[in-house]
Amino acid sequence: MTQLKLFVLCLFAFLVAVFAVSNQQSVAINFFNRPIITDVSLIIIVLGAVLIGVLFAGILGFMAQSKLKKELAKEIKEKNMLKGKEEKLQLKIRDLEEKLEDEEEGKREEPAK
């Protein structure tokens, strides 16, 4: 799976590079019909947009991974707690079974006398 991701990433990088080299003219950047930058190369705009997208995706991925790690830690803690309760209950069952066996042995011995 990681090789497929690497291949797709390399293909995307190649396509961005070809697009950037093919479009070297200067452009103006407007925001709400007001010029922000009047003369900048289209390569810079494309690469900047890609970089912002990568950073945004990385931040979202980190946040999702962090959330999953917290949930996993919570589940592990709950699992360990339940395992401890199970062990205690198993001990109680063994004790009750031993008491029951002792009582049954005592009843068997009484009629023999």
PDB file of N, CA and C in Angstrom:
ATOM      1  N   MET A   1       0.831  -1.199   0.000  1.00  0.00           N
ATOM      2  CA  MET A   1       0.000   0.000   0.000  1.00  0.00           C
ATOM      3  C   MET A   1       0.865   1.248   0.000  1.00  0.00           C
ATOM      4  N   THR A   2       1.973   1.242   0.715  1.00  0.00           N
ATOM      5  CA  THR A   2       2.816   2.431   0.769  1.00  0.00           C
ATOM      6  C   THR A   2       3.481   2.688  -0.580  1.00  0.00           C
ATOM      7  N   GLN A   3       3.751   1.626  -1.339  1.00  0.00           N
ATOM      8  CA  GLN A   3       4.334   1.821  -2.665  1.00  0.00           C
ATOM      9  C   GLN A   3       3.326   2.498  -3.595  1.00  0.00           C
ATOM     10  N   LEU A   4       2.067   2.143  -3.457  1.00  0.00           N
ATOM     11  CA  LEU A   4       1.032   2.785  -4.264  1.00  0.00           C
ATOM     12  C   LEU A   4       0.921   4.268  -3.913  1.00  0.00           C
ATOM     13  N   LYS A   5       0.962   4.578  -2.625  1.00  0.00           N
ATOM     14  CA  LYS A   5       0.910   5.981  -2.207  1.00  0.00           C
ATOM     15  C   LYS A   5       2.108   6.756  -2.746  1.00  0.00           C
ATOM     16  N   LEU A   6       3.284   6.150  -2.678  1.00  0.00           N
ATOM     17  CA  LEU A   6       4.483   6.804  -3.181  1.00  0.00           C
ATOM     18  C   LEU A   6       4.380   7.038  -4.678  1.00  0.00           C
ATOM     19  N   PHE A   7       3.862   6.066  -5.405  1.00  0.00           N
ATOM     20  CA  PHE A   7       3.683   6.209  -6.852  1.00  0.00           C
ATOM     21  C   PHE A   7       2.731   7.348  -7.178  1.00  0.00           C
ATOM     22  N   VAL A   8       1.598   7.397  -6.486  1.00  0.00           N
ATOM     23  CA  VAL A   8       0.611   8.456  -6.729  1.00  0.00           C
ATOM     24  C   VAL A   8       1.207   9.816  -6.380  1.00  0.00           C
ATOM     25  N   LEU A   9       1.956   9.894  -5.301  1.00  0.00           N
ATOM     26  CA  LEU A   9       2.589  11.155  -4.909  1.00  0.00           C
ATOM     27  C   LEU A   9       3.596  11.611  -5.963  1.00  0.00           C
ATOM     28  N   CYS A  10       4.410  10.698  -6.453  1.00  0.00           N
ATOM     29  CA  CYS A  10       5.386  11.050  -7.493  1.00  0.00           C
ATOM     30  C   CYS A  10       4.684  11.474  -8.782  1.00  0.00           C
ATOM     31  N   LEU A  11       3.627  10.792  -9.143  1.00  0.00           N
ATOM     32  CA  LEU A  11       2.863  11.156 -10.335  1.00  0.00           C
ATOM     33  C   LEU A  11       2.270  12.558 -10.186  1.00  0.00           C
ATOM     34  N   PHE A  12       1.709  12.843  -9.007  1.00  0.00           N
ATOM     35  CA  PHE A  12       1.139  14.172  -8.749  1.00  0.00           C
ATOM     36  C   PHE A  12       2.223  15.246  -8.818  1.00  0.00           C
ATOM     37  N   ALA A  13       3.384  14.979  -8.219  1.00  0.00           N
ATOM     38  CA  ALA A  13       4.482  15.948  -8.246  1.00  0.00           C
ATOM     39  C   ALA A  13       4.947  16.197  -9.680  1.00  0.00           C
ATOM     40  N   PHE A  14       5.012  15.141 -10.473  1.00  0.00           N
ATOM     41  CA  PHE A  14       5.399  15.294 -11.882  1.00  0.00           C
ATOM     42  C   PHE A  14       4.392  16.161 -12.635  1.00  0.00           C
ATOM     43  N   LEU A  15       3.112  15.889 -12.433  1.00  0.00           N
ATOM     44  CA  LEU A  15       2.086  16.667 -13.126  1.00  0.00           C
ATOM     45  C   LEU A  15       2.117  18.142 -12.710  1.00  0.00           C
ATOM     46  N   VAL A  16       2.355  18.402 -11.444  1.00  0.00           N
ATOM     47  CA  VAL A  16       2.451  19.795 -10.973  1.00  0.00           C
ATOM     48  C   VAL A  16       3.663  20.465 -11.596  1.00  0.00           C
ATOM     49  N   ALA A  17       4.777  19.764 -11.676  1.00  0.00           N
ATOM     50  CA  ALA A  17       5.981  20.339 -12.278  1.00  0.00           C
ATOM     51  C   ALA A  17       5.763  20.641 -13.753  1.00  0.00           C
ATOM     52  N   VAL A  18       5.139  19.720 -14.483  1.00  0.00           N
ATOM     53  CA  VAL A  18       4.861  19.954 -15.905  1.00  0.00           C
ATOM     54  C   VAL A  18       3.912  21.145 -16.061  1.00  0.00           C
ATOM     55  N   PHE A  19       2.891  21.221 -15.227  1.00  0.00           N
ATOM     56  CA  PHE A  19       1.943  22.341 -15.291  1.00  0.00           C
ATOM     57  C   PHE A  19       2.656  23.660 -15.006  1.00  0.00           C
ATOM     58  N   ALA A  20       3.523  23.656 -13.999  1.00  0.00           N
ATOM     59  CA  ALA A  20       4.213  24.886 -13.624  1.00  0.00           C
ATOM     60  C   ALA A  20       5.151  25.356 -14.734  1.00  0.00           C
ATOM     61  N   VAL A  21       5.879  24.448 -15.343  1.00  0.00           N
ATOM     62  CA  VAL A  21       6.804  24.827 -16.418  1.00  0.00           C
ATOM     63  C   VAL A  21       6.029  25.292 -17.652  1.00  0.00           C
ATOM     64  N   SER A  22       4.865  24.703 -17.887  1.00  0.00           N
ATOM     65  CA  SER A  22       4.068  25.070 -19.054  1.00  0.00           C
ATOM     66  C   SER A  22       3.402  26.433 -18.906  1.00  0.00           C
ATOM     67  N   ASN A  23       3.236  26.915 -17.688  1.00  0.00           N
ATOM     68  CA  ASN A  23       2.515  28.170 -17.440  1.00  0.00           C
ATOM     69  C   ASN A  23       3.410  29.146 -16.673  1.00  0.00           C
ATOM     70  N   GLN A  24       4.352  29.755 -17.397  1.00  0.00           N
ATOM     71  CA  GLN A  24       5.317  30.642 -16.748  1.00  0.00           C
ATOM     72  C   GLN A  24       4.928  32.117 -16.825  1.00  0.00           C
ATOM     73  N   GLN A  25       3.789  32.434 -17.375  1.00  0.00           N
ATOM     74  CA  GLN A  25       3.415  33.832 -17.506  1.00  0.00           C
ATOM     75  C   GLN A  25       3.103  34.452 -16.131  1.00  0.00           C
ATOM     76  N   SER A  26       3.158  35.746 -16.091  1.00  0.00           N
ATOM     77  CA  SER A  26       2.862  36.484 -14.864  1.00  0.00           C
ATOM     78  C   SER A  26       1.362  36.737 -14.760  1.00  0.00           C
ATOM     79  N   VAL A  27       0.863  36.694 -13.531  1.00  0.00           N
ATOM     80  CA  VAL A  27      -0.565  36.919 -13.293  1.00  0.00           C
ATOM     81  C   VAL A  27      -0.732  37.892 -12.131  1.00  0.00           C
ATOM     82  N   ALA A  28      -1.919  38.458 -12.044  1.00  0.00           N
ATOM     83  CA  ALA A  28      -2.262  39.324 -10.921  1.00  0.00           C
ATOM     84  C   ALA A  28      -3.221  38.573 -10.009  1.00  0.00           C
ATOM     85  N   ILE A  29      -3.071  38.766  -8.711  1.00  0.00           N
ATOM     86  CA  ILE A  29      -3.942  38.105  -7.742  1.00  0.00           C
ATOM     87  C   ILE A  29      -4.871  39.147  -7.150  1.00  0.00           C
ATOM     88  N   ASN A  30      -6.175  38.894  -7.287  1.00  0.00           N
ATOM     89  CA  ASN A  30      -7.193  39.802  -6.763  1.00  0.00           C
ATOM     90  C   ASN A  30      -7.989  39.083  -5.675  1.00  0.00           C
ATOM     91  N   PHE A  31      -8.414  39.862  -4.697  1.00  0.00           N
ATOM     92  CA  PHE A  31      -9.266  39.348  -3.635  1.00  0.00           C
ATOM     93  C   PHE A  31     -10.393  40.339  -3.441  1.00  0.00           C
ATOM     94  N   PHE A  32     -11.635  39.914  -3.680  1.00  0.00           N
ATOM     95  CA  PHE A  32     -12.800  40.801  -3.676  1.00  0.00           C
ATOM     96  C   PHE A  32     -12.590  41.985  -4.621  1.00  0.00           C
ATOM     97  N   ASN A  33     -12.118  41.690  -5.822  1.00  0.00           N
ATOM     98  CA  ASN A  33     -11.877  42.673  -6.881  1.00  0.00           C
ATOM     99  C   ASN A  33     -10.851  43.741  -6.518  1.00  0.00           C
ATOM    100  N   ARG A  34     -10.024  43.450  -5.569  1.00  0.00           N
ATOM    101  CA  ARG A  34      -8.941  44.373  -5.210  1.00  0.00           C
ATOM    102  C   ARG A  34      -7.614  43.649  -5.425  1.00  0.00           C
ATOM    103  N   PRO A  35      -6.710  44.294  -6.121  1.00  0.00           N
ATOM    104  CA  PRO A  35      -5.431  43.624  -6.396  1.00  0.00           C
ATOM    105  C   PRO A  35      -4.595  43.469  -5.120  1.00  0.00           C
ATOM    106  N   ILE A  36      -4.172  42.238  -4.879  1.00  0.00           N
ATOM    107  CA  ILE A  36      -3.284  41.976  -3.744  1.00  0.00           C
ATOM    108  C   ILE A  36      -1.846  41.970  -4.239  1.00  0.00           C
ATOM    109  N   ILE A  37      -1.621  41.190  -5.285  1.00  0.00           N
ATOM    110  CA  ILE A  37      -0.308  41.138  -5.924  1.00  0.00           C
ATOM    111  C   ILE A  37      -0.556  41.370  -7.415  1.00  0.00           C
ATOM    112  N   THR A  38       0.212  42.266  -7.997  1.00  0.00           N
ATOM    113  CA  THR A  38      -0.056  42.613  -9.391  1.00  0.00           C
ATOM    114  C   THR A  38       0.769  41.813 -10.383  1.00  0.00           C
ATOM    115  N   ASP A  39       1.933  41.355 -10.006  1.00  0.00           N
ATOM    116  CA  ASP A  39       2.780  40.670 -10.980  1.00  0.00           C
ATOM    117  C   ASP A  39       3.556  39.545 -10.285  1.00  0.00           C
ATOM    118  N   VAL A  40       3.029  38.327 -10.417  1.00  0.00           N
ATOM    119  CA  VAL A  40       3.699  37.169  -9.829  1.00  0.00           C
ATOM    120  C   VAL A  40       3.607  36.012 -10.815  1.00  0.00           C
ATOM    121  N   SER A  41       4.617  35.178 -10.812  1.00  0.00           N
ATOM    122  CA  SER A  41       4.652  34.045 -11.740  1.00  0.00           C
ATOM    123  C   SER A  41       3.599  33.008 -11.340  1.00  0.00           C
ATOM    124  N   LEU A  42       2.980  32.414 -12.335  1.00  0.00           N
ATOM    125  CA  LEU A  42       1.963  31.397 -12.091  1.00  0.00           C
ATOM    126  C   LEU A  42       2.556  30.175 -11.385  1.00  0.00           C
ATOM    127  N   ILE A  43       3.846  29.904 -11.608  1.00  0.00           N
ATOM    128  CA  ILE A  43       4.526  28.788 -10.939  1.00  0.00           C
ATOM    129  C   ILE A  43       4.450  28.963  -9.421  1.00  0.00           C
ATOM    130  N   ILE A  44       4.701  30.174  -8.967  1.00  0.00           N
ATOM    131  CA  ILE A  44       4.678  30.458  -7.528  1.00  0.00           C
ATOM    132  C   ILE A  44       3.278  30.228  -6.966  1.00  0.00           C
ATOM    133  N   ILE A  45       2.263  30.662  -7.688  1.00  0.00           N
ATOM    134  CA  ILE A  45       0.876  30.496  -7.244  1.00  0.00           C
ATOM    135  C   ILE A  45       0.524  29.015  -7.139  1.00  0.00           C
ATOM    136  N   VAL A  46       0.862  28.238  -8.164  1.00  0.00           N
ATOM    137  CA  VAL A  46       0.520  26.816  -8.175  1.00  0.00           C
ATOM    138  C   VAL A  46       1.259  26.076  -7.056  1.00  0.00           C
ATOM    139  N   LEU A  47       2.553  26.320  -6.951  1.00  0.00           N
ATOM    140  CA  LEU A  47       3.325  25.638  -5.907  1.00  0.00           C
ATOM    141  C   LEU A  47       2.886  26.070  -4.504  1.00  0.00           C
ATOM    142  N   GLY A  48       2.539  27.338  -4.364  1.00  0.00           N
ATOM    143  CA  GLY A  48       2.029  27.820  -3.075  1.00  0.00           C
ATOM    144  C   GLY A  48       0.709  27.154  -2.707  1.00  0.00           C
ATOM    145  N   ALA A  49      -0.171  27.019  -3.686  1.00  0.00           N
ATOM    146  CA  ALA A  49      -1.463  26.366  -3.440  1.00  0.00           C
ATOM    147  C   ALA A  49      -1.262  24.891  -3.068  1.00  0.00           C
ATOM    148  N   VAL A  50      -0.343  24.226  -3.765  1.00  0.00           N
ATOM    149  CA  VAL A  50      -0.046  22.822  -3.435  1.00  0.00           C
ATOM    150  C   VAL A  50       0.527  22.723  -2.026  1.00  0.00           C
ATOM    151  N   LEU A  51       1.441  23.607  -1.684  1.00  0.00           N
ATOM    152  CA  LEU A  51       2.046  23.590  -0.345  1.00  0.00           C
ATOM    153  C   LEU A  51       0.994  23.826   0.740  1.00  0.00           C
ATOM    154  N   ILE A  52       0.107  24.772   0.521  1.00  0.00           N
ATOM    155  CA  ILE A  52      -0.960  25.031   1.493  1.00  0.00           C
ATOM    156  C   ILE A  52      -1.857  23.799   1.629  1.00  0.00           C
ATOM    157  N   GLY A  53      -2.176  23.158   0.518  1.00  0.00           N
ATOM    158  CA  GLY A  53      -2.991  21.940   0.556  1.00  0.00           C
ATOM    159  C   GLY A  53      -2.308  20.815   1.318  1.00  0.00           C
ATOM    160  N   VAL A  54      -1.023  20.640   1.098  1.00  0.00           N
ATOM    161  CA  VAL A  54      -0.262  19.593   1.806  1.00  0.00           C
ATOM    162  C   VAL A  54      -0.226  19.884   3.306  1.00  0.00           C
ATOM    163  N   LEU A  55       0.022  21.127   3.664  1.00  0.00           N
ATOM    164  CA  LEU A  55       0.058  21.499   5.084  1.00  0.00           C
ATOM    165  C   LEU A  55      -1.304  21.288   5.741  1.00  0.00           C
ATOM    166  N   PHE A  56      -2.357  21.693   5.060  1.00  0.00           N
ATOM    167  CA  PHE A  56      -3.709  21.542   5.589  1.00  0.00           C
ATOM    168  C   PHE A  56      -4.049  20.067   5.778  1.00  0.00           C
ATOM    169  N   ALA A  57      -3.730  19.251   4.777  1.00  0.00           N
ATOM    170  CA  ALA A  57      -3.993  17.805   4.878  1.00  0.00           C
ATOM    171  C   ALA A  57      -3.162  17.176   5.999  1.00  0.00           C
ATOM    172  N   GLY A  58      -1.931  17.626   6.153  1.00  0.00           N
ATOM    173  CA  GLY A  58      -1.075  17.106   7.227  1.00  0.00           C
ATOM    174  C   GLY A  58      -1.616  17.450   8.605  1.00  0.00           C
ATOM    175  N   ILE A  59      -2.080  18.673   8.767  1.00  0.00           N
ATOM    176  CA  ILE A  59      -2.649  19.089  10.056  1.00  0.00           C
ATOM    177  C   ILE A  59      -3.907  18.283  10.370  1.00  0.00           C
ATOM    178  N   LEU A  60      -4.790  18.135   9.378  1.00  0.00           N
ATOM    179  CA  LEU A  60      -6.008  17.340   9.599  1.00  0.00           C
ATOM    180  C   LEU A  60      -5.677  15.886   9.904  1.00  0.00           C
ATOM    181  N   GLY A  61      -4.693  15.335   9.204  1.00  0.00           N
ATOM    182  CA  GLY A  61      -4.275  13.959   9.463  1.00  0.00           C
ATOM    183  C   GLY A  61      -3.701  13.795  10.858  1.00  0.00           C
ATOM    184  N   PHE A  62      -2.901  14.766  11.292  1.00  0.00           N
ATOM    185  CA  PHE A  62      -2.332  14.715  12.634  1.00  0.00           C
ATOM    186  C   PHE A  62      -3.429  14.786  13.689  1.00  0.00           C
ATOM    187  N   MET A  63      -4.418  15.650  13.471  1.00  0.00           N
ATOM    188  CA  MET A  63      -5.511  15.769  14.435  1.00  0.00           C
ATOM    189  C   MET A  63      -6.314  14.475  14.515  1.00  0.00           C
ATOM    190  N   ALA A  64      -6.587  13.861  13.373  1.00  0.00           N
ATOM    191  CA  ALA A  64      -7.338  12.604  13.362  1.00  0.00           C
ATOM    192  C   ALA A  64      -6.541  11.497  14.035  1.00  0.00           C
ATOM    193  N   GLN A  65      -5.247  11.447  13.767  1.00  0.00           N
ATOM    194  CA  GLN A  65      -4.398  10.427  14.378  1.00  0.00           C
ATOM    195  C   GLN A  65      -4.327  10.622  15.891  1.00  0.00           C
ATOM    196  N   SER A  66      -4.234  11.852  16.330  1.00  0.00           N
ATOM    197  CA  SER A  66      -4.193  12.146  17.756  1.00  0.00           C
ATOM    198  C   SER A  66      -5.484  11.699  18.442  1.00  0.00           C
ATOM    199  N   LYS A  67      -6.610  11.965  17.802  1.00  0.00           N
ATOM    200  CA  LYS A  67      -7.909  11.565  18.354  1.00  0.00           C
ATOM    201  C   LYS A  67      -7.990  10.046  18.455  1.00  0.00           C
ATOM    202  N   LEU A  68      -7.539   9.348  17.418  1.00  0.00           N
ATOM    203  CA  LEU A  68      -7.574   7.886  17.434  1.00  0.00           C
ATOM    204  C   LEU A  68      -6.660   7.310  18.517  1.00  0.00           C
ATOM    205  N   LYS A  69      -5.508   7.937  18.729  1.00  0.00           N
ATOM    206  CA  LYS A  69      -4.600   7.472  19.786  1.00  0.00           C
ATOM    207  C   LYS A  69      -5.250   7.624  21.159  1.00  0.00           C
ATOM    208  N   LYS A  70      -5.943   8.736  21.381  1.00  0.00           N
ATOM    209  CA  LYS A  70      -6.626   8.934  22.660  1.00  0.00           C
ATOM    210  C   LYS A  70      -7.713   7.891  22.860  1.00  0.00           C
ATOM    211  N   GLU A  71      -8.489   7.618  21.807  1.00  0.00           N
ATOM    212  CA  GLU A  71      -9.547   6.609  21.900  1.00  0.00           C
ATOM    213  C   GLU A  71      -8.960   5.225  22.157  1.00  0.00           C
ATOM    214  N   LEU A  72      -7.846   4.915  21.509  1.00  0.00           N
ATOM    215  CA  LEU A  72      -7.194   3.624  21.708  1.00  0.00           C
ATOM    216  C   LEU A  72      -6.699   3.482  23.137  1.00  0.00           C
ATOM    217  N   ALA A  73      -6.097   4.535  23.673  1.00  0.00           N
ATOM    218  CA  ALA A  73      -5.623   4.486  25.057  1.00  0.00           C
ATOM    219  C   ALA A  73      -6.792   4.275  26.019  1.00  0.00           C
ATOM    220  N   LYS A  74      -7.902   4.926  25.752  1.00  0.00           N
ATOM    221  CA  LYS A  74      -9.097   4.762  26.590  1.00  0.00           C
ATOM    222  C   LYS A  74      -9.605   3.327  26.519  1.00  0.00           C
ATOM    223  N   GLU A  75      -9.653   2.748  25.317  1.00  0.00           N
ATOM    224  CA  GLU A  75     -10.123   1.378  25.146  1.00  0.00           C
ATOM    225  C   GLU A  75      -9.186   0.381  25.832  1.00  0.00           C
ATOM    226  N   ILE A  76      -7.889   0.613  25.748  1.00  0.00           N
ATOM    227  CA  ILE A  76      -6.927  -0.272  26.401  1.00  0.00           C
ATOM    228  C   ILE A  76      -7.092  -0.214  27.913  1.00  0.00           C
ATOM    229  N   LYS A  77      -7.292   0.989  28.436  1.00  0.00           N
ATOM    230  CA  LYS A  77      -7.497   1.146  29.870  1.00  0.00           C
ATOM    231  C   LYS A  77      -8.759   0.403  30.314  1.00  0.00           C
ATOM    232  N   GLU A  78      -9.837   0.551  29.541  1.00  0.00           N
ATOM    233  CA  GLU A  78     -11.089  -0.131  29.871  1.00  0.00           C
ATOM    234  C   GLU A  78     -10.922  -1.647  29.771  1.00  0.00           C
ATOM    235  N   LYS A  79     -10.191  -2.105  28.773  1.00  0.00           N
ATOM    236  CA  LYS A  79      -9.944  -3.544  28.613  1.00  0.00           C
ATOM    237  C   LYS A  79      -9.195  -4.097  29.820  1.00  0.00           C
ATOM    238  N   ASN A  80      -8.172  -3.388  30.257  1.00  0.00           N
ATOM    239  CA  ASN A  80      -7.404  -3.844  31.416  1.00  0.00           C
ATOM    240  C   ASN A  80      -8.259  -3.860  32.682  1.00  0.00           C
ATOM    241  N   MET A  81      -9.132  -2.858  32.818  1.00  0.00           N
ATOM    242  CA  MET A  81     -10.021  -2.819  33.971  1.00  0.00           C
ATOM    243  C   MET A  81     -10.966  -4.019  33.957  1.00  0.00           C
ATOM    244  N   LEU A  82     -11.530  -4.317  32.790  1.00  0.00           N
ATOM    245  CA  LEU A  82     -12.446  -5.453  32.673  1.00  0.00           C
ATOM    246  C   LEU A  82     -11.717  -6.775  32.881  1.00  0.00           C
ATOM    247  N   LYS A  83     -10.481  -6.846  32.447  1.00  0.00           N
ATOM    248  CA  LYS A  83      -9.688  -8.061  32.652  1.00  0.00           C
ATOM    249  C   LYS A  83      -9.455  -8.290  34.142  1.00  0.00           C
ATOM    250  N   GLY A  84      -9.180  -7.206  34.866  1.00  0.00           N
ATOM    251  CA  GLY A  84      -9.004  -7.313  36.315  1.00  0.00           C
ATOM    252  C   GLY A  84     -10.283  -7.771  36.993  1.00  0.00           C
ATOM    253  N   LYS A  85     -11.419  -7.221  36.574  1.00  0.00           N
ATOM    254  CA  LYS A  85     -12.706  -7.642  37.139  1.00  0.00           C
ATOM    255  C   LYS A  85     -12.969  -9.114  36.834  1.00  0.00           C
ATOM    256  N   GLU A  86     -12.624  -9.546  35.619  1.00  0.00           N
ATOM    257  CA  GLU A  86     -12.828 -10.943  35.242  1.00  0.00           C
ATOM    258  C   GLU A  86     -11.998 -11.861  36.130  1.00  0.00           C
ATOM    259  N   GLU A  87     -10.761 -11.490  36.388  1.00  0.00           N
ATOM    260  CA  GLU A  87      -9.900 -12.310  37.250  1.00  0.00           C
ATOM    261  C   GLU A  87     -10.475 -12.412  38.663  1.00  0.00           C
ATOM    262  N   LYS A  88     -10.979 -11.299  39.180  1.00  0.00           N
ATOM    263  CA  LYS A  88     -11.589 -11.321  40.513  1.00  0.00           C
ATOM    264  C   LYS A  88     -12.815 -12.240  40.535  1.00  0.00           C
ATOM    265  N   LEU A  89     -13.629 -12.153  39.501  1.00  0.00           N
ATOM    266  CA  LEU A  89     -14.815 -13.006  39.437  1.00  0.00           C
ATOM    267  C   LEU A  89     -14.431 -14.478  39.295  1.00  0.00           C
ATOM    268  N   GLN A  90     -13.386 -14.768  38.554  1.00  0.00           N
ATOM    269  CA  GLN A  90     -12.923 -16.151  38.428  1.00  0.00           C
ATOM    270  C   GLN A  90     -12.474 -16.690  39.787  1.00  0.00           C
ATOM    271  N   LEU A  91     -11.795 -15.862  40.551  1.00  0.00           N
ATOM    272  CA  LEU A  91     -11.379 -16.279  41.892  1.00  0.00           C
ATOM    273  C   LEU A  91     -12.586 -16.545  42.786  1.00  0.00           C
ATOM    274  N   LYS A  92     -13.590 -15.683  42.709  1.00  0.00           N
ATOM    275  CA  LYS A  92     -14.801 -15.890  43.504  1.00  0.00           C
ATOM    276  C   LYS A  92     -15.506 -17.182  43.092  1.00  0.00           C
ATOM    277  N   ILE A  93     -15.543 -17.449  41.789  1.00  0.00           N
ATOM    278  CA  ILE A  93     -16.173 -18.685  41.314  1.00  0.00           C
ATOM    279  C   ILE A  93     -15.429 -19.893  41.858  1.00  0.00           C
ATOM    280  N   ARG A  94     -14.103 -19.861  41.818  1.00  0.00           N
ATOM    281  CA  ARG A  94     -13.316 -20.980  42.349  1.00  0.00           C
ATOM    282  C   ARG A  94     -13.581 -21.180  43.841  1.00  0.00           C
ATOM    283  N   ASP A  95     -13.624 -20.091  44.585  1.00  0.00           N
ATOM    284  CA  ASP A  95     -13.892 -20.190  46.024  1.00  0.00           C
ATOM    285  C   ASP A  95     -15.266 -20.801  46.275  1.00  0.00           C
ATOM    286  N   LEU A  96     -16.274 -20.343  45.536  1.00  0.00           N
ATOM    287  CA  LEU A  96     -17.626 -20.874  45.715  1.00  0.00           C
ATOM    288  C   LEU A  96     -17.699 -22.346  45.312  1.00  0.00           C
ATOM    289  N   GLU A  97     -17.004 -22.723  44.261  1.00  0.00           N
ATOM    290  CA  GLU A  97     -16.986 -24.130  43.853  1.00  0.00           C
ATOM    291  C   GLU A  97     -16.328 -24.996  44.920  1.00  0.00           C
ATOM    292  N   GLU A  98     -15.242 -24.490  45.520  1.00  0.00           N
ATOM    293  CA  GLU A  98     -14.566 -25.237  46.590  1.00  0.00           C
ATOM    294  C   GLU A  98     -15.483 -25.395  47.804  1.00  0.00           C
ATOM    295  N   LYS A  99     -16.182 -24.320  48.161  1.00  0.00           N
ATOM    296  CA  LYS A  99     -17.112 -24.406  49.291  1.00  0.00           C
ATOM    297  C   LYS A  99     -18.232 -25.402  48.998  1.00  0.00           C
ATOM    298  N   LEU A 100     -18.738 -25.378  47.785  1.00  0.00           N
ATOM    299  CA  LEU A 100     -19.792 -26.305  47.393  1.00  0.00           C
ATOM    300  C   LEU A 100     -19.294 -27.749  47.445  1.00  0.00           C
ATOM    301  N   GLU A 101     -18.082 -27.995  46.975  1.00  0.00           N
ATOM    302  CA  GLU A 101     -17.508 -29.337  47.031  1.00  0.00           C
ATOM    303  C   GLU A 101     -17.325 -29.785  48.482  1.00  0.00           C
ATOM    304  N   ASP A 102     -16.862 -28.867  49.342  1.00  0.00           N
ATOM    305  CA  ASP A 102     -16.678 -29.209  50.757  1.00  0.00           C
ATOM    306  C   ASP A 102     -18.012 -29.562  51.410  1.00  0.00           C
ATOM    307  N   GLU A 103     -19.051 -28.792  51.095  1.00  0.00           N
ATOM    308  CA  GLU A 103     -20.374 -29.075  51.660  1.00  0.00           C
ATOM    309  C   GLU A 103     -20.917 -30.407  51.153  1.00  0.00           C
ATOM    310  N   GLU A 104     -20.710 -30.700  49.863  1.00  0.00           N
ATOM    311  CA  GLU A 104     -21.175 -31.972  49.314  1.00  0.00           C
ATOM    312  C   GLU A 104     -20.426 -33.149  49.933  1.00  0.00           C
ATOM    313  N   GLU A 105     -19.128 -32.994  50.171  1.00  0.00           N
ATOM    314  CA  GLU A 105     -18.348 -34.055  50.810  1.00  0.00           C
ATOM    315  C   GLU A 105     -18.812 -34.262  52.259  1.00  0.00           C
ATOM    316  N   GLY A 106     -19.124 -33.148  52.917  1.00  0.00           N
ATOM    317  CA  GLY A 106     -19.617 -33.245  54.303  1.00  0.00           C
ATOM    318  C   GLY A 106     -20.949 -33.966  54.360  1.00  0.00           C
ATOM    319  N   LYS A 107     -21.830 -33.731  53.411  1.00  0.00           N
ATOM    320  CA  LYS A 107     -23.127 -34.421  53.384  1.00  0.00           C
ATOM    321  C   LYS A 107     -22.968 -35.890  53.061  1.00  0.00           C
ATOM    322  N   ARG A 108     -22.001 -36.229  52.236  1.00  0.00           N
ATOM    323  CA  ARG A 108     -21.779 -37.629  51.893  1.00  0.00           C
ATOM    324  C   ARG A 108     -21.228 -38.421  53.065  1.00  0.00           C
ATOM    325  N   GLU A 109     -20.392 -37.776  53.858  1.00  0.00           N
ATOM    326  CA  GLU A 109     -19.770 -38.470  54.979  1.00  0.00           C
ATOM    327  C   GLU A 109     -20.743 -38.665  56.139  1.00  0.00           C
ATOM    328  N   GLU A 110     -21.675 -37.771  56.372  1.00  0.00           N
ATOM    329  CA  GLU A 110     -22.614 -37.867  57.488  1.00  0.00           C
ATOM    330  C   GLU A 110     -23.487 -39.126  57.430  1.00  0.00           C
ATOM    331  N   PRO A 111     -24.144 -39.467  56.314  1.00  0.00           N
ATOM    332  CA  PRO A 111     -24.988 -40.678  56.301  1.00  0.00           C
ATOM    333  C   PRO A 111     -24.168 -41.958  56.485  1.00  0.00           C
ATOM    334  N   ALA A 112     -22.932 -41.976  56.172  1.00  0.00           N
ATOM    335  CA  ALA A 112     -22.116 -43.188  56.309  1.00  0.00           C
ATOM    336  C   ALA A 112     -21.895 -43.552  57.763  1.00  0.00           C
ATOM    337  N   LYS A 113     -21.990 -42.635  58.686  1.00  0.00           N
ATOM    338  CA  LYS A 113     -21.746 -42.911  60.103  1.00  0.00           C
ATOM    339  C   LYS A 113     -22.829 -43.657  60.702  1.00  0.00           C
TER     340      LYS A 113
END
